[in-house]
Amino acid sequence: MKRIILSILATTLVCLNLNAQNMNKKALVVYFSATGTTATVANTIAQAVNADIFEIEPAEAYTAEDLDWTNKKSRSTLEMKDKKSRPAIKNSLQNPQDYDVIYLGFPIWWYTAPRIVNTFLESTKLDGKTIVLFATSGGSGLGKTIDDLRPSAPNATFINGAVLNKNVTKEQILNQLKVKN
């Protein structure tokens, strides 16, 4: 299963990375990570495809209690129940015009991207960008994540990447992507 997931991700990343390189376009990895898992994968992908990296940081950091999905009153549960919820972010991408391919990563929450990802998309001019999704999850797939995110950046092109349930090393990605170090 891991090989299939990596193969799908690798094919998507290779196509988009080669396209970006051939046209002198820069790639960017943007990610939100509440516990560090997605950050690890994002950094690995950024190194593997020689992309810049940007972290979506919440204005108020998530605590362990905020992330307790079994608590119906936890912050993450309340945000995910409200499709219009847009948690504040403390930073913004200053130069989105410099990038054409954006690899967008996040943990899967309630079978989709956390609402803070919508906040990022809606606060960043991404018209004409290609956005490749990647996620981390304890067991959920991407499902209808594109459908949930597309209204937040209607003039961007979204591509489903893959859910990476295991830590992936730079060497594995380089091997899968056939990118030279």
N, C-alpha and C. Protein backbone atom coordinates (compact mmCIF):
# COMPACT_ATOMS: atom_id res chain seq x y z
N MET A 1 0.82 -1.19 0.00
CA MET A 1 0.00 0.00 0.00
C MET A 1 0.87 1.26 0.00
N LYS A 2 1.95 1.21 0.79
CA LYS A 2 2.85 2.37 0.86
C LYS A 2 3.45 2.65 -0.51
N ARG A 3 3.83 1.59 -1.24
CA ARG A 3 4.42 1.77 -2.57
C ARG A 3 3.41 2.39 -3.53
N ILE A 4 2.15 2.00 -3.43
CA ILE A 4 1.11 2.55 -4.30
C ILE A 4 0.93 4.04 -4.01
N ILE A 5 0.84 4.39 -2.73
CA ILE A 5 0.66 5.79 -2.35
C ILE A 5 1.85 6.62 -2.82
N LEU A 6 3.06 6.12 -2.58
CA LEU A 6 4.25 6.85 -3.01
C LEU A 6 4.32 6.96 -4.53
N SER A 7 3.89 5.92 -5.21
CA SER A 7 3.92 5.94 -6.67
C SER A 7 2.96 7.00 -7.22
N ILE A 8 1.77 7.08 -6.66
CA ILE A 8 0.80 8.09 -7.09
C ILE A 8 1.34 9.48 -6.82
N LEU A 9 1.85 9.69 -5.62
CA LEU A 9 2.41 10.99 -5.26
C LEU A 9 3.60 11.31 -6.15
N ALA A 10 4.45 10.33 -6.36
CA ALA A 10 5.65 10.56 -7.17
C ALA A 10 5.28 10.96 -8.59
N THR A 11 4.34 10.27 -9.18
CA THR A 11 3.93 10.59 -10.55
C THR A 11 3.41 12.01 -10.63
N THR A 12 2.56 12.38 -9.70
CA THR A 12 2.01 13.74 -9.68
C THR A 12 3.11 14.76 -9.49
N LEU A 13 3.98 14.53 -8.51
CA LEU A 13 5.05 15.49 -8.22
C LEU A 13 6.04 15.59 -9.36
N VAL A 14 6.38 14.46 -9.98
CA VAL A 14 7.33 14.48 -11.08
C VAL A 14 6.77 15.31 -12.23
N CYS A 15 5.53 15.05 -12.60
CA CYS A 15 4.93 15.79 -13.71
C CYS A 15 4.91 17.29 -13.43
N LEU A 16 4.47 17.65 -12.27
CA LEU A 16 4.38 19.07 -11.95
C LEU A 16 5.75 19.69 -11.72
N ASN A 17 6.65 18.97 -11.08
CA ASN A 17 7.98 19.54 -10.84
C ASN A 17 8.74 19.70 -12.16
N LEU A 18 8.67 18.71 -13.03
CA LEU A 18 9.34 18.84 -14.32
C LEU A 18 8.74 19.97 -15.12
N ASN A 19 7.43 20.11 -15.09
CA ASN A 19 6.76 21.21 -15.79
C ASN A 19 7.25 22.55 -15.24
N ALA A 20 7.34 22.66 -13.92
CA ALA A 20 7.80 23.89 -13.29
C ALA A 20 9.25 24.18 -13.66
N GLN A 21 10.10 23.15 -13.65
CA GLN A 21 11.51 23.34 -13.98
C GLN A 21 11.67 23.74 -15.45
N ASN A 22 10.93 23.08 -16.34
CA ASN A 22 11.07 23.34 -17.76
C ASN A 22 10.64 24.75 -18.14
N MET A 23 9.79 25.35 -17.39
CA MET A 23 9.29 26.68 -17.69
C MET A 23 9.89 27.72 -16.75
N ASN A 24 10.96 27.38 -16.07
CA ASN A 24 11.59 28.28 -15.11
C ASN A 24 10.60 28.76 -14.05
N LYS A 25 9.74 27.90 -13.64
CA LYS A 25 8.76 28.24 -12.61
C LYS A 25 9.23 27.64 -11.29
N LYS A 26 8.92 28.34 -10.23
CA LYS A 26 9.30 27.87 -8.91
C LYS A 26 8.16 27.11 -8.26
N ALA A 27 8.52 26.11 -7.49
CA ALA A 27 7.54 25.34 -6.73
C ALA A 27 7.61 25.76 -5.27
N LEU A 28 6.50 25.63 -4.59
CA LEU A 28 6.40 25.98 -3.18
C LEU A 28 5.63 24.89 -2.45
N VAL A 29 6.13 24.49 -1.30
CA VAL A 29 5.39 23.58 -0.43
C VAL A 29 4.79 24.44 0.69
N VAL A 30 3.48 24.40 0.80
CA VAL A 30 2.75 25.11 1.86
C VAL A 30 2.10 24.03 2.72
N TYR A 31 2.21 24.19 4.04
CA TYR A 31 1.62 23.16 4.89
C TYR A 31 1.10 23.74 6.20
N PHE A 32 0.12 23.02 6.75
CA PHE A 32 -0.35 23.25 8.11
C PHE A 32 -0.10 21.96 8.86
N SER A 33 0.50 22.07 10.04
CA SER A 33 0.79 20.89 10.83
C SER A 33 0.49 21.18 12.30
N ALA A 34 -0.44 20.47 12.87
CA ALA A 34 -0.80 20.69 14.26
C ALA A 34 0.11 19.95 15.23
N THR A 35 0.66 18.82 14.80
CA THR A 35 1.47 18.00 15.70
C THR A 35 2.89 17.75 15.21
N GLY A 36 3.22 18.19 14.02
CA GLY A 36 4.55 18.00 13.47
C GLY A 36 4.64 16.92 12.41
N THR A 37 3.65 16.05 12.31
CA THR A 37 3.69 14.97 11.33
C THR A 37 3.70 15.51 9.91
N THR A 38 2.78 16.42 9.60
CA THR A 38 2.71 16.98 8.25
C THR A 38 3.94 17.83 7.96
N ALA A 39 4.48 18.50 8.97
CA ALA A 39 5.70 19.30 8.78
C ALA A 39 6.85 18.43 8.31
N THR A 40 6.98 17.26 8.88
CA THR A 40 8.05 16.34 8.49
C THR A 40 7.92 15.95 7.03
N VAL A 41 6.72 15.58 6.61
CA VAL A 41 6.49 15.19 5.22
C VAL A 41 6.71 16.39 4.30
N ALA A 42 6.22 17.57 4.68
CA ALA A 42 6.37 18.77 3.86
C ALA A 42 7.84 19.11 3.64
N ASN A 43 8.62 19.05 4.69
CA ASN A 43 10.05 19.35 4.57
C ASN A 43 10.75 18.34 3.67
N THR A 44 10.35 17.09 3.77
CA THR A 44 10.94 16.06 2.93
C THR A 44 10.61 16.31 1.46
N ILE A 45 9.36 16.64 1.18
CA ILE A 45 8.95 16.93 -0.20
C ILE A 45 9.68 18.17 -0.72
N ALA A 46 9.76 19.21 0.09
CA ALA A 46 10.44 20.45 -0.34
C ALA A 46 11.89 20.17 -0.69
N GLN A 47 12.57 19.37 0.12
CA GLN A 47 13.96 19.02 -0.18
C GLN A 47 14.05 18.18 -1.45
N ALA A 48 13.12 17.24 -1.59
CA ALA A 48 13.17 16.33 -2.73
C ALA A 48 12.94 17.03 -4.06
N VAL A 49 12.06 18.02 -4.09
CA VAL A 49 11.75 18.70 -5.35
C VAL A 49 12.37 20.09 -5.44
N ASN A 50 13.24 20.41 -4.47
CA ASN A 50 13.94 21.69 -4.45
C ASN A 50 12.96 22.87 -4.47
N ALA A 51 11.98 22.81 -3.58
CA ALA A 51 10.95 23.85 -3.50
C ALA A 51 11.17 24.70 -2.26
N ASP A 52 10.68 25.92 -2.32
CA ASP A 52 10.62 26.75 -1.12
C ASP A 52 9.53 26.18 -0.22
N ILE A 53 9.50 26.64 1.02
CA ILE A 53 8.52 26.10 1.97
C ILE A 53 7.90 27.22 2.79
N PHE A 54 6.61 27.06 3.11
CA PHE A 54 5.87 28.05 3.90
C PHE A 54 4.92 27.31 4.83
N GLU A 55 4.98 27.66 6.11
CA GLU A 55 4.09 27.04 7.09
C GLU A 55 2.90 27.94 7.38
N ILE A 56 1.70 27.38 7.31
CA ILE A 56 0.49 28.08 7.74
C ILE A 56 0.45 27.96 9.26
N GLU A 57 0.58 29.08 9.94
CA GLU A 57 0.60 29.06 11.40
C GLU A 57 -0.68 29.67 11.95
N PRO A 58 -1.34 28.97 12.87
CA PRO A 58 -2.55 29.56 13.46
C PRO A 58 -2.19 30.74 14.36
N ALA A 59 -3.08 31.73 14.39
CA ALA A 59 -2.86 32.87 15.28
C ALA A 59 -2.79 32.40 16.72
N GLU A 60 -3.59 31.40 17.03
CA GLU A 60 -3.57 30.78 18.36
C GLU A 60 -3.22 29.31 18.17
N ALA A 61 -2.08 28.90 18.70
CA ALA A 61 -1.62 27.52 18.53
C ALA A 61 -2.65 26.53 19.09
N TYR A 62 -2.72 25.38 18.46
CA TYR A 62 -3.61 24.31 18.93
C TYR A 62 -2.94 23.56 20.07
N THR A 63 -3.69 23.35 21.14
CA THR A 63 -3.21 22.55 22.27
C THR A 63 -3.68 21.12 22.08
N ALA A 64 -3.20 20.23 22.91
CA ALA A 64 -3.66 18.84 22.87
C ALA A 64 -5.16 18.77 23.12
N GLU A 65 -5.66 19.60 24.02
CA GLU A 65 -7.10 19.62 24.30
C GLU A 65 -7.88 20.11 23.08
N ASP A 66 -7.33 21.09 22.35
CA ASP A 66 -7.98 21.59 21.14
C ASP A 66 -8.11 20.52 20.08
N LEU A 67 -7.16 19.60 20.06
CA LEU A 67 -7.11 18.57 19.03
C LEU A 67 -7.82 17.28 19.41
N ASP A 68 -8.44 17.24 20.57
CA ASP A 68 -9.11 16.02 21.05
C ASP A 68 -10.41 15.80 20.27
N TRP A 69 -10.31 14.99 19.24
CA TRP A 69 -11.46 14.75 18.36
C TRP A 69 -12.59 14.01 19.05
N THR A 70 -12.32 13.39 20.20
CA THR A 70 -13.38 12.68 20.92
C THR A 70 -14.21 13.63 21.79
N ASN A 71 -13.73 14.86 21.96
CA ASN A 71 -14.44 15.87 22.75
C ASN A 71 -15.28 16.72 21.81
N LYS A 72 -16.58 16.64 21.91
CA LYS A 72 -17.49 17.37 21.02
C LYS A 72 -17.40 18.88 21.19
N LYS A 73 -16.72 19.34 22.25
CA LYS A 73 -16.58 20.77 22.48
C LYS A 73 -15.15 21.27 22.28
N SER A 74 -14.29 20.40 21.76
CA SER A 74 -12.90 20.82 21.52
C SER A 74 -12.89 21.82 20.36
N ARG A 75 -11.86 22.63 20.35
CA ARG A 75 -11.73 23.66 19.31
C ARG A 75 -11.78 23.06 17.90
N SER A 76 -11.02 22.00 17.66
CA SER A 76 -10.99 21.41 16.33
C SER A 76 -12.35 20.84 15.94
N THR A 77 -13.04 20.22 16.86
CA THR A 77 -14.36 19.67 16.58
C THR A 77 -15.34 20.79 16.22
N LEU A 78 -15.34 21.85 16.98
CA LEU A 78 -16.25 22.97 16.72
C LEU A 78 -15.93 23.63 15.37
N GLU A 79 -14.65 23.80 15.07
CA GLU A 79 -14.28 24.38 13.78
C GLU A 79 -14.74 23.49 12.62
N MET A 80 -14.56 22.21 12.75
CA MET A 80 -14.89 21.31 11.66
C MET A 80 -16.41 21.13 11.50
N LYS A 81 -17.15 21.32 12.55
CA LYS A 81 -18.62 21.25 12.44
C LYS A 81 -19.18 22.43 11.68
N ASP A 82 -18.48 23.57 11.72
CA ASP A 82 -18.94 24.80 11.09
C ASP A 82 -18.17 25.02 9.78
N LYS A 83 -18.82 24.73 8.65
CA LYS A 83 -18.13 24.85 7.36
C LYS A 83 -17.69 26.28 7.04
N LYS A 84 -18.25 27.24 7.74
CA LYS A 84 -17.87 28.64 7.51
C LYS A 84 -16.77 29.10 8.46
N SER A 85 -16.36 28.24 9.36
CA SER A 85 -15.29 28.59 10.30
C SER A 85 -14.00 28.87 9.53
N ARG A 86 -13.35 29.97 9.88
CA ARG A 86 -12.06 30.32 9.28
C ARG A 86 -11.12 30.76 10.40
N PRO A 87 -10.42 29.80 11.01
CA PRO A 87 -9.48 30.14 12.07
C PRO A 87 -8.43 31.14 11.57
N ALA A 88 -8.11 32.09 12.41
CA ALA A 88 -7.14 33.12 12.03
C ALA A 88 -5.74 32.53 11.88
N ILE A 89 -5.01 33.07 10.91
CA ILE A 89 -3.61 32.68 10.74
C ILE A 89 -2.74 33.89 11.08
N LYS A 90 -1.56 33.60 11.62
CA LYS A 90 -0.70 34.70 12.07
C LYS A 90 0.28 35.16 11.01
N ASN A 91 0.35 34.45 9.91
CA ASN A 91 1.29 34.83 8.87
C ASN A 91 0.60 34.78 7.51
N SER A 92 1.20 35.42 6.53
CA SER A 92 0.65 35.35 5.19
C SER A 92 1.79 35.19 4.20
N LEU A 93 1.48 34.54 3.10
CA LEU A 93 2.46 34.34 2.04
C LEU A 93 2.61 35.65 1.30
N GLN A 94 3.79 36.23 1.36
CA GLN A 94 4.03 37.57 0.81
C GLN A 94 4.23 37.60 -0.70
N ASN A 95 4.59 36.49 -1.29
CA ASN A 95 4.96 36.50 -2.70
C ASN A 95 4.33 35.35 -3.50
N PRO A 96 3.02 35.16 -3.44
CA PRO A 96 2.43 34.04 -4.17
C PRO A 96 2.64 34.12 -5.68
N GLN A 97 2.82 35.32 -6.20
CA GLN A 97 3.02 35.49 -7.64
C GLN A 97 4.32 34.84 -8.12
N ASP A 98 5.22 34.54 -7.21
CA ASP A 98 6.50 33.94 -7.58
C ASP A 98 6.39 32.43 -7.87
N TYR A 99 5.25 31.85 -7.61
CA TYR A 99 5.10 30.40 -7.72
C TYR A 99 3.96 30.03 -8.66
N ASP A 100 4.16 28.92 -9.35
CA ASP A 100 3.11 28.40 -10.22
C ASP A 100 2.57 27.07 -9.73
N VAL A 101 3.44 26.29 -9.07
CA VAL A 101 3.03 24.99 -8.53
C VAL A 101 3.15 25.06 -7.02
N ILE A 102 2.06 24.76 -6.35
CA ILE A 102 2.04 24.77 -4.88
C ILE A 102 1.61 23.40 -4.40
N TYR A 103 2.48 22.77 -3.61
CA TYR A 103 2.14 21.51 -2.96
C TYR A 103 1.55 21.89 -1.61
N LEU A 104 0.29 21.58 -1.39
CA LEU A 104 -0.43 22.01 -0.18
C LEU A 104 -0.71 20.81 0.71
N GLY A 105 -0.12 20.82 1.91
CA GLY A 105 -0.24 19.68 2.82
C GLY A 105 -0.90 20.03 4.13
N PHE A 106 -1.54 19.04 4.71
CA PHE A 106 -2.29 19.21 5.95
C PHE A 106 -2.66 17.85 6.51
N PRO A 107 -3.00 17.79 7.80
CA PRO A 107 -3.54 16.54 8.34
C PRO A 107 -5.02 16.44 7.93
N ILE A 108 -5.52 15.25 7.78
CA ILE A 108 -6.94 15.07 7.51
C ILE A 108 -7.70 15.17 8.83
N TRP A 109 -8.65 16.07 8.87
CA TRP A 109 -9.53 16.21 10.04
C TRP A 109 -10.96 15.99 9.55
N TRP A 110 -11.64 15.05 10.14
CA TRP A 110 -13.03 14.79 9.80
C TRP A 110 -13.19 14.61 8.29
N TYR A 111 -12.30 13.84 7.69
CA TYR A 111 -12.33 13.43 6.28
C TYR A 111 -12.07 14.56 5.29
N THR A 112 -11.45 15.65 5.75
CA THR A 112 -11.14 16.76 4.85
C THR A 112 -10.00 17.59 5.44
N ALA A 113 -9.71 18.71 4.80
CA ALA A 113 -8.66 19.60 5.30
C ALA A 113 -9.18 20.42 6.47
N PRO A 114 -8.34 20.74 7.43
CA PRO A 114 -8.74 21.63 8.52
C PRO A 114 -9.17 22.98 7.96
N ARG A 115 -10.10 23.65 8.61
CA ARG A 115 -10.64 24.93 8.13
C ARG A 115 -9.57 26.00 7.97
N ILE A 116 -8.48 25.89 8.71
CA ILE A 116 -7.42 26.88 8.59
C ILE A 116 -6.80 26.87 7.19
N VAL A 117 -6.89 25.74 6.49
CA VAL A 117 -6.41 25.67 5.12
C VAL A 117 -7.29 26.55 4.22
N ASN A 118 -8.60 26.56 4.48
CA ASN A 118 -9.48 27.46 3.74
C ASN A 118 -9.11 28.92 4.01
N THR A 119 -8.77 29.22 5.26
CA THR A 119 -8.35 30.58 5.60
C THR A 119 -7.16 30.99 4.74
N PHE A 120 -6.17 30.11 4.65
CA PHE A 120 -5.00 30.39 3.83
C PHE A 120 -5.39 30.63 2.37
N LEU A 121 -6.17 29.72 1.81
CA LEU A 121 -6.54 29.83 0.41
C LEU A 121 -7.30 31.12 0.13
N GLU A 122 -8.20 31.49 1.03
CA GLU A 122 -9.02 32.69 0.82
C GLU A 122 -8.24 33.98 1.05
N SER A 123 -7.14 33.91 1.76
CA SER A 123 -6.37 35.12 2.05
C SER A 123 -5.14 35.27 1.15
N THR A 124 -4.99 34.38 0.18
CA THR A 124 -3.82 34.38 -0.70
C THR A 124 -4.28 34.38 -2.14
N LYS A 125 -3.73 35.25 -2.95
CA LYS A 125 -4.11 35.32 -4.36
C LYS A 125 -3.46 34.16 -5.10
N LEU A 126 -4.28 33.18 -5.48
CA LEU A 126 -3.77 31.97 -6.09
C LEU A 126 -4.35 31.72 -7.48
N ASP A 127 -4.89 32.74 -8.11
CA ASP A 127 -5.45 32.59 -9.45
C ASP A 127 -4.39 32.04 -10.40
N GLY A 128 -4.75 31.03 -11.16
CA GLY A 128 -3.86 30.44 -12.14
C GLY A 128 -2.83 29.47 -11.59
N LYS A 129 -2.81 29.27 -10.28
CA LYS A 129 -1.84 28.36 -9.68
C LYS A 129 -2.33 26.91 -9.79
N THR A 130 -1.39 25.99 -9.82
CA THR A 130 -1.70 24.56 -9.73
C THR A 130 -1.39 24.15 -8.30
N ILE A 131 -2.39 23.58 -7.64
CA ILE A 131 -2.25 23.20 -6.23
C ILE A 131 -2.38 21.69 -6.13
N VAL A 132 -1.29 21.06 -5.70
CA VAL A 132 -1.26 19.60 -5.54
C VAL A 132 -1.42 19.32 -4.04
N LEU A 133 -2.46 18.58 -3.70
CA LEU A 133 -2.74 18.28 -2.30
C LEU A 133 -1.96 17.05 -1.84
N PHE A 134 -1.45 17.13 -0.62
CA PHE A 134 -0.93 15.95 0.07
C PHE A 134 -1.37 16.07 1.52
N ALA A 135 -1.54 14.94 2.15
CA ALA A 135 -2.06 14.95 3.52
C ALA A 135 -1.43 13.84 4.34
N THR A 136 -1.58 13.98 5.64
CA THR A 136 -1.22 12.92 6.57
C THR A 136 -2.50 12.52 7.28
N SER A 137 -2.58 11.26 7.65
CA SER A 137 -3.80 10.78 8.27
C SER A 137 -3.56 9.47 8.99
N GLY A 138 -4.34 9.26 10.00
CA GLY A 138 -4.29 8.00 10.72
C GLY A 138 -5.11 6.91 10.04
N GLY A 139 -5.82 7.26 8.98
CA GLY A 139 -6.60 6.24 8.30
C GLY A 139 -7.56 6.76 7.26
N SER A 140 -7.81 8.05 7.22
CA SER A 140 -8.74 8.62 6.24
C SER A 140 -8.02 8.97 4.95
N GLY A 141 -8.76 8.92 3.86
CA GLY A 141 -8.22 9.34 2.57
C GLY A 141 -8.55 10.81 2.32
N LEU A 142 -8.21 11.29 1.12
CA LEU A 142 -8.51 12.67 0.76
C LEU A 142 -10.01 12.90 0.53
N GLY A 143 -10.73 11.84 0.20
CA GLY A 143 -12.18 11.95 0.04
C GLY A 143 -12.57 13.09 -0.88
N LYS A 144 -13.43 13.97 -0.39
CA LYS A 144 -13.91 15.10 -1.18
C LYS A 144 -13.20 16.40 -0.80
N THR A 145 -11.95 16.29 -0.40
CA THR A 145 -11.20 17.47 0.04
C THR A 145 -11.14 18.53 -1.05
N ILE A 146 -10.91 18.13 -2.30
CA ILE A 146 -10.86 19.12 -3.38
C ILE A 146 -12.17 19.88 -3.46
N ASP A 147 -13.28 19.16 -3.36
CA ASP A 147 -14.59 19.82 -3.42
C ASP A 147 -14.76 20.81 -2.27
N ASP A 148 -14.20 20.48 -1.12
CA ASP A 148 -14.29 21.38 0.04
C ASP A 148 -13.38 22.60 -0.09
N LEU A 149 -12.24 22.44 -0.77
CA LEU A 149 -11.27 23.53 -0.88
C LEU A 149 -11.48 24.41 -2.11
N ARG A 150 -11.98 23.86 -3.18
CA ARG A 150 -12.10 24.59 -4.45
C ARG A 150 -12.82 25.94 -4.31
N PRO A 151 -13.92 26.04 -3.56
CA PRO A 151 -14.58 27.35 -3.43
C PRO A 151 -13.69 28.42 -2.78
N SER A 152 -12.69 28.00 -2.03
CA SER A 152 -11.79 28.96 -1.38
C SER A 152 -10.71 29.50 -2.32
N ALA A 153 -10.51 28.85 -3.45
CA ALA A 153 -9.56 29.31 -4.48
C ALA A 153 -10.11 28.87 -5.84
N PRO A 154 -11.23 29.47 -6.26
CA PRO A 154 -11.93 28.98 -7.45
C PRO A 154 -11.17 29.13 -8.76
N ASN A 155 -10.16 29.98 -8.81
CA ASN A 155 -9.42 30.18 -10.05
C ASN A 155 -8.07 29.47 -10.06
N ALA A 156 -7.92 28.52 -9.16
CA ALA A 156 -6.73 27.67 -9.12
C ALA A 156 -7.13 26.28 -9.62
N THR A 157 -6.14 25.51 -10.03
CA THR A 157 -6.37 24.13 -10.45
C THR A 157 -5.90 23.22 -9.34
N PHE A 158 -6.81 22.39 -8.83
CA PHE A 158 -6.47 21.47 -7.75
C PHE A 158 -6.23 20.08 -8.30
N ILE A 159 -5.21 19.42 -7.74
CA ILE A 159 -4.88 18.05 -8.10
C ILE A 159 -4.74 17.24 -6.82
N ASN A 160 -5.44 16.09 -6.77
CA ASN A 160 -5.28 15.20 -5.62
C ASN A 160 -3.91 14.56 -5.70
N GLY A 161 -3.15 14.69 -4.65
CA GLY A 161 -1.85 14.03 -4.56
C GLY A 161 -2.05 12.70 -3.86
N ALA A 162 -1.68 12.64 -2.60
CA ALA A 162 -1.79 11.40 -1.86
C ALA A 162 -1.83 11.66 -0.37
N VAL A 163 -2.34 10.67 0.34
CA VAL A 163 -2.27 10.66 1.79
C VAL A 163 -1.06 9.83 2.17
N LEU A 164 -0.19 10.41 2.95
CA LEU A 164 1.03 9.73 3.36
C LEU A 164 0.91 9.36 4.83
N ASN A 165 0.64 8.09 5.08
CA ASN A 165 0.40 7.64 6.44
C ASN A 165 1.67 7.27 7.20
N LYS A 166 2.77 7.24 6.52
CA LYS A 166 4.04 6.88 7.15
C LYS A 166 5.04 7.99 6.89
N ASN A 167 6.03 8.11 7.75
CA ASN A 167 7.10 9.06 7.47
C ASN A 167 7.87 8.58 6.25
N VAL A 168 8.12 9.51 5.35
CA VAL A 168 8.80 9.19 4.11
C VAL A 168 10.16 9.89 4.14
N THR A 169 11.21 9.17 3.81
CA THR A 169 12.53 9.77 3.82
C THR A 169 12.79 10.51 2.52
N LYS A 170 13.73 11.44 2.57
CA LYS A 170 14.11 12.18 1.37
C LYS A 170 14.59 11.21 0.29
N GLU A 171 15.35 10.21 0.70
CA GLU A 171 15.88 9.25 -0.26
C GLU A 171 14.75 8.49 -0.98
N GLN A 172 13.72 8.12 -0.23
CA GLN A 172 12.59 7.43 -0.85
C GLN A 172 11.89 8.33 -1.86
N ILE A 173 11.69 9.60 -1.49
CA ILE A 173 11.03 10.51 -2.43
C ILE A 173 11.92 10.76 -3.64
N LEU A 174 13.21 10.98 -3.42
CA LEU A 174 14.12 11.19 -4.54
C LEU A 174 14.10 9.99 -5.48
N ASN A 175 14.08 8.79 -4.90
CA ASN A 175 14.03 7.57 -5.69
C ASN A 175 12.72 7.50 -6.47
N GLN A 176 11.61 7.76 -5.78
CA GLN A 176 10.31 7.69 -6.44
C GLN A 176 10.15 8.79 -7.50
N LEU A 177 10.69 9.97 -7.23
CA LEU A 177 10.55 11.09 -8.16
C LEU A 177 11.60 11.09 -9.26
N LYS A 178 12.63 10.26 -9.06
CA LYS A 178 13.76 10.24 -9.99
C LYS A 178 14.35 11.63 -10.14
N VAL A 179 14.44 12.34 -9.03
CA VAL A 179 15.06 13.66 -8.98
C VAL A 179 16.50 13.49 -8.56
N LYS A 180 17.40 14.17 -9.26
CA LYS A 180 18.81 14.08 -8.91
C LYS A 180 19.12 15.02 -7.78
N ASN A 181 19.89 14.54 -6.84
CA ASN A 181 20.27 15.34 -5.65
C ASN A 181 21.30 16.39 -6.01
